Amino acid sequence: MNNTYFKREEFACSCGCGRDVVDSELLEVLMRLREYYSQPITITSGNRCVIHNEAVGGSPESQHLLGKAVDIKVKDTSPTEVFRRLDLWYPNNYGLSGYSSWVHLDVRENKSRW
């Protein structure tokens, strides 16, 4: 799948360390979501280094540390709708969590919802 919507730096650790690992499966899911809604997706948190992950209270096993997770907002679309769409497409896969203003998505090997 050709990535026409995202730049690598959008996935970079927000502490400025330069860490910008991006899992290809995660990118494919994001591309599908972008094409479905035809709206920009903002990545509010992508890859994290250990120091930044600790600073934001992330789990020591966070998928953000592996470049396999993002927290996102889809323009003009509620987080509830985005969560439901992803859960409909991937009912037995991935990690999903909906919050009041964003959705967490990760491409872990097993299903997880919280």
PDB file of N, CA and C in Angstrom:
ATOM      1  N   MET A   1       0.844  -1.175   0.000  1.00  0.00           N
ATOM      2  CA  MET A   1       0.000   0.000   0.000  1.00  0.00           C
ATOM      3  C   MET A   1       0.897   1.248   0.000  1.00  0.00           C
ATOM      4  N   ASN A   2       0.631   2.129  -0.912  1.00  0.00           N
ATOM      5  CA  ASN A   2       1.412   3.356  -1.035  1.00  0.00           C
ATOM      6  C   ASN A   2       0.944   4.371   0.007  1.00  0.00           C
ATOM      7  N   ASN A   3       1.858   4.871   0.801  1.00  0.00           N
ATOM      8  CA  ASN A   3       1.528   5.847   1.835  1.00  0.00           C
ATOM      9  C   ASN A   3       1.489   7.251   1.238  1.00  0.00           C
ATOM     10  N   THR A   4       0.289   7.761   1.036  1.00  0.00           N
ATOM     11  CA  THR A   4       0.148   9.105   0.488  1.00  0.00           C
ATOM     12  C   THR A   4      -0.353  10.104   1.520  1.00  0.00           C
ATOM     13  N   TYR A   5      -0.629   9.647   2.743  1.00  0.00           N
ATOM     14  CA  TYR A   5      -1.265  10.500   3.739  1.00  0.00           C
ATOM     15  C   TYR A   5      -0.402  10.871   4.940  1.00  0.00           C
ATOM     16  N   PHE A   6       0.610  10.084   5.245  1.00  0.00           N
ATOM     17  CA  PHE A   6       1.363  10.292   6.478  1.00  0.00           C
ATOM     18  C   PHE A   6       2.843  10.517   6.214  1.00  0.00           C
ATOM     19  N   LYS A   7       3.439  11.343   7.051  1.00  0.00           N
ATOM     20  CA  LYS A   7       4.880  11.563   7.006  1.00  0.00           C
ATOM     21  C   LYS A   7       5.497  10.883   8.215  1.00  0.00           C
ATOM     22  N   ARG A   8       6.672  10.365   8.040  1.00  0.00           N
ATOM     23  CA  ARG A   8       7.347   9.644   9.118  1.00  0.00           C
ATOM     24  C   ARG A   8       7.455  10.482  10.399  1.00  0.00           C
ATOM     25  N   GLU A   9       7.719  11.766  10.230  1.00  0.00           N
ATOM     26  CA  GLU A   9       7.895  12.618  11.417  1.00  0.00           C
ATOM     27  C   GLU A   9       6.618  12.738  12.253  1.00  0.00           C
ATOM     28  N   GLU A  10       5.457  12.437  11.675  1.00  0.00           N
ATOM     29  CA  GLU A  10       4.213  12.462  12.450  1.00  0.00           C
ATOM     30  C   GLU A  10       4.205  11.373  13.521  1.00  0.00           C
ATOM     31  N   PHE A  11       4.984  10.333  13.317  1.00  0.00           N
ATOM     32  CA  PHE A  11       5.037   9.207  14.247  1.00  0.00           C
ATOM     33  C   PHE A  11       6.144   9.356  15.291  1.00  0.00           C
ATOM     34  N   ALA A  12       6.992  10.380  15.160  1.00  0.00           N
ATOM     35  CA  ALA A  12       8.173  10.541  16.009  1.00  0.00           C
ATOM     36  C   ALA A  12       7.800  10.814  17.464  1.00  0.00           C
ATOM     37  N   CYS A  13       8.654  10.378  18.349  1.00  0.00           N
ATOM     38  CA  CYS A  13       8.501  10.640  19.778  1.00  0.00           C
ATOM     39  C   CYS A  13       8.430  12.145  19.994  1.00  0.00           C
ATOM     40  N   SER A  14       7.451  12.571  20.768  1.00  0.00           N
ATOM     41  CA  SER A  14       7.236  14.015  20.939  1.00  0.00           C
ATOM     42  C   SER A  14       8.225  14.689  21.875  1.00  0.00           C
ATOM     43  N   CYS A  15       9.144  13.911  22.455  1.00  0.00           N
ATOM     44  CA  CYS A  15      10.159  14.532  23.315  1.00  0.00           C
ATOM     45  C   CYS A  15      11.288  15.160  22.495  1.00  0.00           C
ATOM     46  N   GLY A  16      11.318  14.834  21.198  1.00  0.00           N
ATOM     47  CA  GLY A  16      12.351  15.395  20.331  1.00  0.00           C
ATOM     48  C   GLY A  16      13.594  14.534  20.210  1.00  0.00           C
ATOM     49  N   CYS A  17      13.568  13.327  20.737  1.00  0.00           N
ATOM     50  CA  CYS A  17      14.746  12.451  20.708  1.00  0.00           C
ATOM     51  C   CYS A  17      15.064  11.918  19.306  1.00  0.00           C
ATOM     52  N   GLY A  18      14.066  11.971  18.409  1.00  0.00           N
ATOM     53  CA  GLY A  18      14.276  11.501  17.051  1.00  0.00           C
ATOM     54  C   GLY A  18      13.780  10.091  16.786  1.00  0.00           C
ATOM     55  N   ARG A  19      13.348   9.381  17.804  1.00  0.00           N
ATOM     56  CA  ARG A  19      12.851   8.009  17.614  1.00  0.00           C
ATOM     57  C   ARG A  19      11.570   8.071  16.786  1.00  0.00           C
ATOM     58  N   ASP A  20      11.541   7.343  15.652  1.00  0.00           N
ATOM     59  CA  ASP A  20      10.384   7.417  14.757  1.00  0.00           C
ATOM     60  C   ASP A  20      10.071   6.082  14.091  1.00  0.00           C
ATOM     61  N   VAL A  21      10.148   5.000  14.821  1.00  0.00           N
ATOM     62  CA  VAL A  21       9.840   3.666  14.309  1.00  0.00           C
ATOM     63  C   VAL A  21       8.341   3.600  13.982  1.00  0.00           C
ATOM     64  N   VAL A  22       8.013   3.038  12.823  1.00  0.00           N
ATOM     65  CA  VAL A  22       6.612   2.884  12.412  1.00  0.00           C
ATOM     66  C   VAL A  22       6.405   1.474  11.877  1.00  0.00           C
ATOM     67  N   ASP A  23       5.528   0.726  12.500  1.00  0.00           N
ATOM     68  CA  ASP A  23       5.209  -0.617  12.057  1.00  0.00           C
ATOM     69  C   ASP A  23       4.380  -0.551  10.765  1.00  0.00           C
ATOM     70  N   SER A  24       4.724  -1.374   9.786  1.00  0.00           N
ATOM     71  CA  SER A  24       4.036  -1.340   8.489  1.00  0.00           C
ATOM     72  C   SER A  24       2.567  -1.751   8.593  1.00  0.00           C
ATOM     73  N   GLU A  25       2.247  -2.680   9.467  1.00  0.00           N
ATOM     74  CA  GLU A  25       0.851  -3.099   9.644  1.00  0.00           C
ATOM     75  C   GLU A  25       0.023  -1.950  10.230  1.00  0.00           C
ATOM     76  N   LEU A  26       0.600  -1.221  11.174  1.00  0.00           N
ATOM     77  CA  LEU A  26      -0.074  -0.059  11.747  1.00  0.00           C
ATOM     78  C   LEU A  26      -0.359   0.981  10.663  1.00  0.00           C
ATOM     79  N   LEU A  27       0.618   1.212   9.826  1.00  0.00           N
ATOM     80  CA  LEU A  27       0.450   2.171   8.739  1.00  0.00           C
ATOM     81  C   LEU A  27      -0.668   1.731   7.790  1.00  0.00           C
ATOM     82  N   GLU A  28      -0.770   0.446   7.508  1.00  0.00           N
ATOM     83  CA  GLU A  28      -1.838  -0.060   6.635  1.00  0.00           C
ATOM     84  C   GLU A  28      -3.221   0.189   7.233  1.00  0.00           C
ATOM     85  N   VAL A  29      -3.361  -0.030   8.543  1.00  0.00           N
ATOM     86  CA  VAL A  29      -4.648   0.210   9.204  1.00  0.00           C
ATOM     87  C   VAL A  29      -4.985   1.699   9.153  1.00  0.00           C
ATOM     88  N   LEU A  30      -4.009   2.548   9.397  1.00  0.00           N
ATOM     89  CA  LEU A  30      -4.239   3.992   9.349  1.00  0.00           C
ATOM     90  C   LEU A  30      -4.622   4.460   7.945  1.00  0.00           C
ATOM     91  N   MET A  31      -3.986   3.890   6.942  1.00  0.00           N
ATOM     92  CA  MET A  31      -4.318   4.241   5.560  1.00  0.00           C
ATOM     93  C   MET A  31      -5.764   3.834   5.241  1.00  0.00           C
ATOM     94  N   ARG A  32      -6.150   2.658   5.677  1.00  0.00           N
ATOM     95  CA  ARG A  32      -7.523   2.198   5.443  1.00  0.00           C
ATOM     96  C   ARG A  32      -8.519   3.145   6.113  1.00  0.00           C
ATOM     97  N   LEU A  33      -8.219   3.544   7.335  1.00  0.00           N
ATOM     98  CA  LEU A  33      -9.082   4.455   8.080  1.00  0.00           C
ATOM     99  C   LEU A  33      -9.158   5.817   7.392  1.00  0.00           C
ATOM    100  N   ARG A  34      -8.038   6.307   6.934  1.00  0.00           N
ATOM    101  CA  ARG A  34      -7.988   7.605   6.241  1.00  0.00           C
ATOM    102  C   ARG A  34      -8.803   7.562   4.959  1.00  0.00           C
ATOM    103  N   GLU A  35      -8.696   6.496   4.225  1.00  0.00           N
ATOM    104  CA  GLU A  35      -9.438   6.374   2.974  1.00  0.00           C
ATOM    105  C   GLU A  35     -10.933   6.193   3.226  1.00  0.00           C
ATOM    106  N   TYR A  36     -11.289   5.492   4.274  1.00  0.00           N
ATOM    107  CA  TYR A  36     -12.701   5.274   4.594  1.00  0.00           C
ATOM    108  C   TYR A  36     -13.392   6.597   4.930  1.00  0.00           C
ATOM    109  N   TYR A  37     -12.790   7.385   5.806  1.00  0.00           N
ATOM    110  CA  TYR A  37     -13.407   8.638   6.242  1.00  0.00           C
ATOM    111  C   TYR A  37     -13.139   9.813   5.299  1.00  0.00           C
ATOM    112  N   SER A  38     -12.139   9.700   4.454  1.00  0.00           N
ATOM    113  CA  SER A  38     -11.746  10.815   3.572  1.00  0.00           C
ATOM    114  C   SER A  38     -11.511  12.092   4.366  1.00  0.00           C
ATOM    115  N   GLN A  39     -10.915  11.925   5.532  1.00  0.00           N
ATOM    116  CA  GLN A  39     -10.601  13.045   6.422  1.00  0.00           C
ATOM    117  C   GLN A  39      -9.182  12.865   6.953  1.00  0.00           C
ATOM    118  N   PRO A  40      -8.500  13.973   7.218  1.00  0.00           N
ATOM    119  CA  PRO A  40      -7.162  13.866   7.807  1.00  0.00           C
ATOM    120  C   PRO A  40      -7.198  13.197   9.184  1.00  0.00           C
ATOM    121  N   ILE A  41      -6.131  12.498   9.483  1.00  0.00           N
ATOM    122  CA  ILE A  41      -5.951  11.878  10.801  1.00  0.00           C
ATOM    123  C   ILE A  41      -4.761  12.556  11.469  1.00  0.00           C
ATOM    124  N   THR A  42      -4.982  13.022  12.692  1.00  0.00           N
ATOM    125  CA  THR A  42      -3.908  13.614  13.484  1.00  0.00           C
ATOM    126  C   THR A  42      -3.386  12.569  14.457  1.00  0.00           C
ATOM    127  N   ILE A  43      -2.087  12.367  14.430  1.00  0.00           N
ATOM    128  CA  ILE A  43      -1.447  11.454  15.379  1.00  0.00           C
ATOM    129  C   ILE A  43      -1.014  12.284  16.575  1.00  0.00           C
ATOM    130  N   THR A  44      -1.699  12.092  17.701  1.00  0.00           N
ATOM    131  CA  THR A  44      -1.374  12.873  18.895  1.00  0.00           C
ATOM    132  C   THR A  44      -0.247  12.241  19.707  1.00  0.00           C
ATOM    133  N   SER A  45      -0.052  10.940  19.527  1.00  0.00           N
ATOM    134  CA  SER A  45       1.072  10.246  20.148  1.00  0.00           C
ATOM    135  C   SER A  45       1.411   9.049  19.281  1.00  0.00           C
ATOM    136  N   GLY A  46       2.665   8.947  18.890  1.00  0.00           N
ATOM    137  CA  GLY A  46       3.123   7.827  18.079  1.00  0.00           C
ATOM    138  C   GLY A  46       4.174   7.040  18.824  1.00  0.00           C
ATOM    139  N   ASN A  47       5.320   6.927  18.214  1.00  0.00           N
ATOM    140  CA  ASN A  47       6.431   6.211  18.825  1.00  0.00           C
ATOM    141  C   ASN A  47       6.908   6.956  20.070  1.00  0.00           C
ATOM    142  N   ARG A  48       7.310   6.221  21.075  1.00  0.00           N
ATOM    143  CA  ARG A  48       7.840   6.822  22.309  1.00  0.00           C
ATOM    144  C   ARG A  48       9.148   6.147  22.694  1.00  0.00           C
ATOM    145  N   CYS A  49      10.074   6.965  23.155  1.00  0.00           N
ATOM    146  CA  CYS A  49      11.273   6.412  23.782  1.00  0.00           C
ATOM    147  C   CYS A  49      10.913   6.051  25.222  1.00  0.00           C
ATOM    148  N   VAL A  50      11.751   5.284  25.883  1.00  0.00           N
ATOM    149  CA  VAL A  50      11.479   4.842  27.253  1.00  0.00           C
ATOM    150  C   VAL A  50      11.295   6.031  28.194  1.00  0.00           C
ATOM    151  N   ILE A  51      12.130   7.031  28.070  1.00  0.00           N
ATOM    152  CA  ILE A  51      12.060   8.201  28.966  1.00  0.00           C
ATOM    153  C   ILE A  51      10.732   8.936  28.798  1.00  0.00           C
ATOM    154  N   HIS A  52      10.341   9.188  27.554  1.00  0.00           N
ATOM    155  CA  HIS A  52       9.075   9.887  27.321  1.00  0.00           C
ATOM    156  C   HIS A  52       7.882   9.038  27.754  1.00  0.00           C
ATOM    157  N   ASN A  53       7.930   7.741  27.483  1.00  0.00           N
ATOM    158  CA  ASN A  53       6.852   6.849  27.883  1.00  0.00           C
ATOM    159  C   ASN A  53       6.655   6.889  29.396  1.00  0.00           C
ATOM    160  N   GLU A  54       7.751   6.866  30.153  1.00  0.00           N
ATOM    161  CA  GLU A  54       7.654   6.964  31.617  1.00  0.00           C
ATOM    162  C   GLU A  54       7.082   8.314  32.021  1.00  0.00           C
ATOM    163  N   ALA A  55       7.495   9.390  31.351  1.00  0.00           N
ATOM    164  CA  ALA A  55       7.049  10.746  31.687  1.00  0.00           C
ATOM    165  C   ALA A  55       5.544  10.922  31.499  1.00  0.00           C
ATOM    166  N   VAL A  56       4.969  10.229  30.512  1.00  0.00           N
ATOM    167  CA  VAL A  56       3.531  10.364  30.263  1.00  0.00           C
ATOM    168  C   VAL A  56       2.716   9.275  30.969  1.00  0.00           C
ATOM    169  N   GLY A  57       3.370   8.451  31.771  1.00  0.00           N
ATOM    170  CA  GLY A  57       2.676   7.415  32.524  1.00  0.00           C
ATOM    171  C   GLY A  57       2.303   6.196  31.706  1.00  0.00           C
ATOM    172  N   GLY A  58       3.023   5.967  30.608  1.00  0.00           N
ATOM    173  CA  GLY A  58       2.761   4.806  29.768  1.00  0.00           C
ATOM    174  C   GLY A  58       3.203   3.517  30.428  1.00  0.00           C
ATOM    175  N   SER A  59       2.582   2.436  30.024  1.00  0.00           N
ATOM    176  CA  SER A  59       2.934   1.118  30.529  1.00  0.00           C
ATOM    177  C   SER A  59       4.359   0.759  30.102  1.00  0.00           C
ATOM    178  N   PRO A  60       5.111   0.060  30.954  1.00  0.00           N
ATOM    179  CA  PRO A  60       6.450  -0.392  30.555  1.00  0.00           C
ATOM    180  C   PRO A  60       6.421  -1.332  29.343  1.00  0.00           C
ATOM    181  N   GLU A  61       5.260  -1.953  29.074  1.00  0.00           N
ATOM    182  CA  GLU A  61       5.104  -2.827  27.913  1.00  0.00           C
ATOM    183  C   GLU A  61       4.332  -2.132  26.787  1.00  0.00           C
ATOM    184  N   SER A  62       4.252  -0.820  26.816  1.00  0.00           N
ATOM    185  CA  SER A  62       3.473  -0.065  25.831  1.00  0.00           C
ATOM    186  C   SER A  62       3.886  -0.389  24.402  1.00  0.00           C
ATOM    187  N   GLN A  63       2.897  -0.538  23.552  1.00  0.00           N
ATOM    188  CA  GLN A  63       3.139  -0.765  22.131  1.00  0.00           C
ATOM    189  C   GLN A  63       3.724   0.480  21.459  1.00  0.00           C
ATOM    190  N   HIS A  64       3.563   1.645  22.088  1.00  0.00           N
ATOM    191  CA  HIS A  64       4.180   2.878  21.579  1.00  0.00           C
ATOM    192  C   HIS A  64       5.706   2.742  21.544  1.00  0.00           C
ATOM    193  N   LEU A  65       6.266   1.990  22.466  1.00  0.00           N
ATOM    194  CA  LEU A  65       7.722   1.794  22.526  1.00  0.00           C
ATOM    195  C   LEU A  65       8.241   1.016  21.319  1.00  0.00           C
ATOM    196  N   LEU A  66       7.371   0.248  20.696  1.00  0.00           N
ATOM    197  CA  LEU A  66       7.753  -0.609  19.570  1.00  0.00           C
ATOM    198  C   LEU A  66       7.392  -0.006  18.214  1.00  0.00           C
ATOM    199  N   GLY A  67       6.762   1.171  18.223  1.00  0.00           N
ATOM    200  CA  GLY A  67       6.295   1.762  16.966  1.00  0.00           C
ATOM    201  C   GLY A  67       5.061   1.073  16.429  1.00  0.00           C
ATOM    202  N   LYS A  68       4.328   0.375  17.325  1.00  0.00           N
ATOM    203  CA  LYS A  68       3.141  -0.378  16.920  1.00  0.00           C
ATOM    204  C   LYS A  68       1.850   0.264  17.408  1.00  0.00           C
ATOM    205  N   ALA A  69       1.927   1.502  17.937  1.00  0.00           N
ATOM    206  CA  ALA A  69       0.741   2.141  18.495  1.00  0.00           C
ATOM    207  C   ALA A  69       0.697   3.627  18.163  1.00  0.00           C
ATOM    208  N   VAL A  70      -0.539   4.122  18.056  1.00  0.00           N
ATOM    209  CA  VAL A  70      -0.777   5.551  17.882  1.00  0.00           C
ATOM    210  C   VAL A  70      -2.019   5.940  18.668  1.00  0.00           C
ATOM    211  N   ASP A  71      -2.054   7.191  19.072  1.00  0.00           N
ATOM    212  CA  ASP A  71      -3.264   7.817  19.571  1.00  0.00           C
ATOM    213  C   ASP A  71      -3.653   8.802  18.476  1.00  0.00           C
ATOM    214  N   ILE A  72      -4.921   8.748  18.061  1.00  0.00           N
ATOM    215  CA  ILE A  72      -5.329   9.508  16.878  1.00  0.00           C
ATOM    216  C   ILE A  72      -6.643  10.257  17.072  1.00  0.00           C
ATOM    217  N   LYS A  73      -6.807  11.269  16.219  1.00  0.00           N
ATOM    218  CA  LYS A  73      -8.071  11.980  16.049  1.00  0.00           C
ATOM    219  C   LYS A  73      -8.350  12.017  14.551  1.00  0.00           C
ATOM    220  N   VAL A  74      -9.588  11.733  14.175  1.00  0.00           N
ATOM    221  CA  VAL A  74     -10.003  11.831  12.776  1.00  0.00           C
ATOM    222  C   VAL A  74     -10.866  13.079  12.664  1.00  0.00           C
ATOM    223  N   LYS A  75     -10.508  13.958  11.767  1.00  0.00           N
ATOM    224  CA  LYS A  75     -11.214  15.227  11.606  1.00  0.00           C
ATOM    225  C   LYS A  75     -12.710  14.996  11.376  1.00  0.00           C
ATOM    226  N   ASP A  76     -13.511  15.766  12.097  1.00  0.00           N
ATOM    227  CA  ASP A  76     -14.974  15.737  11.967  1.00  0.00           C
ATOM    228  C   ASP A  76     -15.597  14.381  12.256  1.00  0.00           C
ATOM    229  N   THR A  77     -14.924  13.556  13.057  1.00  0.00           N
ATOM    230  CA  THR A  77     -15.426  12.227  13.389  1.00  0.00           C
ATOM    231  C   THR A  77     -15.206  11.987  14.882  1.00  0.00           C
ATOM    232  N   SER A  78     -16.231  11.563  15.572  1.00  0.00           N
ATOM    233  CA  SER A  78     -16.109  11.347  17.015  1.00  0.00           C
ATOM    234  C   SER A  78     -15.206  10.152  17.319  1.00  0.00           C
ATOM    235  N   PRO A  79     -14.501  10.216  18.439  1.00  0.00           N
ATOM    236  CA  PRO A  79     -13.694   9.058  18.846  1.00  0.00           C
ATOM    237  C   PRO A  79     -14.534   7.784  18.993  1.00  0.00           C
ATOM    238  N   THR A  80     -15.781   7.947  19.422  1.00  0.00           N
ATOM    239  CA  THR A  80     -16.670   6.788  19.556  1.00  0.00           C
ATOM    240  C   THR A  80     -16.892   6.117  18.210  1.00  0.00           C
ATOM    241  N   GLU A  81     -17.127   6.920  17.180  1.00  0.00           N
ATOM    242  CA  GLU A  81     -17.331   6.386  15.829  1.00  0.00           C
ATOM    243  C   GLU A  81     -16.068   5.699  15.312  1.00  0.00           C
ATOM    244  N   VAL A  82     -14.910   6.315  15.534  1.00  0.00           N
ATOM    245  CA  VAL A  82     -13.643   5.735  15.075  1.00  0.00           C
ATOM    246  C   VAL A  82     -13.395   4.399  15.777  1.00  0.00           C
ATOM    247  N   PHE A  83     -13.608   4.377  17.091  1.00  0.00           N
ATOM    248  CA  PHE A  83     -13.445   3.134  17.850  1.00  0.00           C
ATOM    249  C   PHE A  83     -14.370   2.048  17.292  1.00  0.00           C
ATOM    250  N   ARG A  84     -15.640   2.388  17.090  1.00  0.00           N
ATOM    251  CA  ARG A  84     -16.607   1.402  16.581  1.00  0.00           C
ATOM    252  C   ARG A  84     -16.209   0.876  15.204  1.00  0.00           C
ATOM    253  N   ARG A  85     -15.744   1.760  14.343  1.00  0.00           N
ATOM    254  CA  ARG A  85     -15.335   1.351  12.995  1.00  0.00           C
ATOM    255  C   ARG A  85     -14.166   0.371  13.071  1.00  0.00           C
ATOM    256  N   LEU A  86     -13.149   0.720  13.862  1.00  0.00           N
ATOM    257  CA  LEU A  86     -11.979  -0.159  13.992  1.00  0.00           C
ATOM    258  C   LEU A  86     -12.371  -1.499  14.615  1.00  0.00           C
ATOM    259  N   ASP A  87     -13.241  -1.470  15.616  1.00  0.00           N
ATOM    260  CA  ASP A  87     -13.678  -2.707  16.260  1.00  0.00           C
ATOM    261  C   ASP A  87     -14.507  -3.560  15.300  1.00  0.00           C
ATOM    262  N   LEU A  88     -15.274  -2.925  14.427  1.00  0.00           N
ATOM    263  CA  LEU A  88     -16.037  -3.651  13.418  1.00  0.00           C
ATOM    264  C   LEU A  88     -15.114  -4.325  12.408  1.00  0.00           C
ATOM    265  N   TRP A  89     -14.100  -3.599  11.966  1.00  0.00           N
ATOM    266  CA  TRP A  89     -13.161  -4.152  10.992  1.00  0.00           C
ATOM    267  C   TRP A  89     -12.256  -5.229  11.584  1.00  0.00           C
ATOM    268  N   TYR A  90     -11.867  -5.051  12.837  1.00  0.00           N
ATOM    269  CA  TYR A  90     -10.880  -5.938  13.481  1.00  0.00           C
ATOM    270  C   TYR A  90     -11.428  -6.466  14.813  1.00  0.00           C
ATOM    271  N   PRO A  91     -12.518  -7.224  14.790  1.00  0.00           N
ATOM    272  CA  PRO A  91     -13.151  -7.644  16.047  1.00  0.00           C
ATOM    273  C   PRO A  91     -12.315  -8.590  16.896  1.00  0.00           C
ATOM    274  N   ASN A  92     -11.373  -9.271  16.281  1.00  0.00           N
ATOM    275  CA  ASN A  92     -10.574 -10.250  17.020  1.00  0.00           C
ATOM    276  C   ASN A  92      -9.090  -9.911  17.032  1.00  0.00           C
ATOM    277  N   ASN A  93      -8.767  -8.664  16.718  1.00  0.00           N
ATOM    278  CA  ASN A  93      -7.372  -8.269  16.604  1.00  0.00           C
ATOM    279  C   ASN A  93      -7.125  -6.924  17.278  1.00  0.00           C
ATOM    280  N   TYR A  94      -5.874  -6.695  17.543  1.00  0.00           N
ATOM    281  CA  TYR A  94      -5.362  -5.370  17.905  1.00  0.00           C
ATOM    282  C   TYR A  94      -5.817  -4.871  19.281  1.00  0.00           C
ATOM    283  N   GLY A  95      -5.180  -3.793  19.676  1.00  0.00           N
ATOM    284  CA  GLY A  95      -5.521  -3.107  20.909  1.00  0.00           C
ATOM    285  C   GLY A  95      -6.253  -1.825  20.569  1.00  0.00           C
ATOM    286  N   LEU A  96      -7.411  -1.623  21.195  1.00  0.00           N
ATOM    287  CA  LEU A  96      -8.213  -0.421  20.962  1.00  0.00           C
ATOM    288  C   LEU A  96      -8.725   0.126  22.282  1.00  0.00           C
ATOM    289  N   SER A  97      -8.724   1.439  22.367  1.00  0.00           N
ATOM    290  CA  SER A  97      -9.328   2.104  23.504  1.00  0.00           C
ATOM    291  C   SER A  97      -9.820   3.469  23.058  1.00  0.00           C
ATOM    292  N   GLY A  98     -11.039   3.794  23.434  1.00  0.00           N
ATOM    293  CA  GLY A  98     -11.608   5.085  23.086  1.00  0.00           C
ATOM    294  C   GLY A  98     -11.597   6.020  24.279  1.00  0.00           C
ATOM    295  N   TYR A  99     -11.245   7.242  24.037  1.00  0.00           N
ATOM    296  CA  TYR A  99     -11.226   8.280  25.062  1.00  0.00           C
ATOM    297  C   TYR A  99     -12.105   9.425  24.594  1.00  0.00           C
ATOM    298  N   SER A 100     -12.272  10.451  25.405  1.00  0.00           N
ATOM    299  CA  SER A 100     -13.196  11.531  25.057  1.00  0.00           C
ATOM    300  C   SER A 100     -12.769  12.318  23.823  1.00  0.00           C
ATOM    301  N   SER A 101     -11.466  12.403  23.553  1.00  0.00           N
ATOM    302  CA  SER A 101     -11.046  13.209  22.402  1.00  0.00           C
ATOM    303  C   SER A 101     -10.103  12.478  21.449  1.00  0.00           C
ATOM    304  N   TRP A 102      -9.817  11.203  21.680  1.00  0.00           N
ATOM    305  CA  TRP A 102      -8.915  10.466  20.812  1.00  0.00           C
ATOM    306  C   TRP A 102      -9.132   8.965  20.968  1.00  0.00           C
ATOM    307  N   VAL A 103      -8.504   8.204  20.075  1.00  0.00           N
ATOM    308  CA  VAL A 103      -8.570   6.736  20.096  1.00  0.00           C
ATOM    309  C   VAL A 103      -7.154   6.182  20.092  1.00  0.00           C
ATOM    310  N   HIS A 104      -6.930   5.202  20.939  1.00  0.00           N
ATOM    311  CA  HIS A 104      -5.665   4.459  20.929  1.00  0.00           C
ATOM    312  C   HIS A 104      -5.862   3.249  20.016  1.00  0.00           C
ATOM    313  N   LEU A 105      -4.885   3.042  19.121  1.00  0.00           N
ATOM    314  CA  LEU A 105      -4.860   1.879  18.237  1.00  0.00           C
ATOM    315  C   LEU A 105      -3.478   1.281  18.282  1.00  0.00           C
ATOM    316  N   ASP A 106      -3.405  -0.029  18.479  1.00  0.00           N
ATOM    317  CA  ASP A 106      -2.112  -0.706  18.325  1.00  0.00           C
ATOM    318  C   ASP A 106      -2.305  -2.036  17.628  1.00  0.00           C
ATOM    319  N   VAL A 107      -1.249  -2.498  17.007  1.00  0.00           N
ATOM    320  CA  VAL A 107      -1.315  -3.723  16.205  1.00  0.00           C
ATOM    321  C   VAL A 107      -0.608  -4.886  16.910  1.00  0.00           C
ATOM    322  N   ARG A 108      -0.861  -4.994  18.195  1.00  0.00           N
ATOM    323  CA  ARG A 108      -0.350  -6.147  18.961  1.00  0.00           C
ATOM    324  C   ARG A 108      -0.884  -7.438  18.370  1.00  0.00           C
ATOM    325  N   GLU A 109      -0.305  -8.554  18.753  1.00  0.00           N
ATOM    326  CA  GLU A 109      -0.678  -9.840  18.164  1.00  0.00           C
ATOM    327  C   GLU A 109      -2.027 -10.356  18.667  1.00  0.00           C
ATOM    328  N   ASN A 110      -2.457  -9.945  19.837  1.00  0.00           N
ATOM    329  CA  ASN A 110      -3.709 -10.430  20.390  1.00  0.00           C
ATOM    330  C   ASN A 110      -4.711  -9.276  20.539  1.00  0.00           C
ATOM    331  N   LYS A 111      -5.973  -9.623  20.750  1.00  0.00           N
ATOM    332  CA  LYS A 111      -7.022  -8.631  20.950  1.00  0.00           C
ATOM    333  C   LYS A 111      -6.977  -8.078  22.362  1.00  0.00           C
ATOM    334  N   SER A 112      -7.127  -6.750  22.464  1.00  0.00           N
ATOM    335  CA  SER A 112      -7.234  -6.114  23.763  1.00  0.00           C
ATOM    336  C   SER A 112      -8.128  -4.882  23.635  1.00  0.00           C
ATOM    337  N   ARG A 113      -9.055  -4.725  24.574  1.00  0.00           N
ATOM    338  CA  ARG A 113      -9.921  -3.548  24.614  1.00  0.00           C
ATOM    339  C   ARG A 113      -9.946  -3.041  26.048  1.00  0.00           C
ATOM    340  N   TRP A 114      -9.881  -1.740  26.191  1.00  0.00           N
ATOM    341  CA  TRP A 114     -10.012  -1.155  27.529  1.00  0.00           C
ATOM    342  C   TRP A 114     -10.583   0.226  27.450  1.00  0.00           C
TER     343      TRP A 114
END
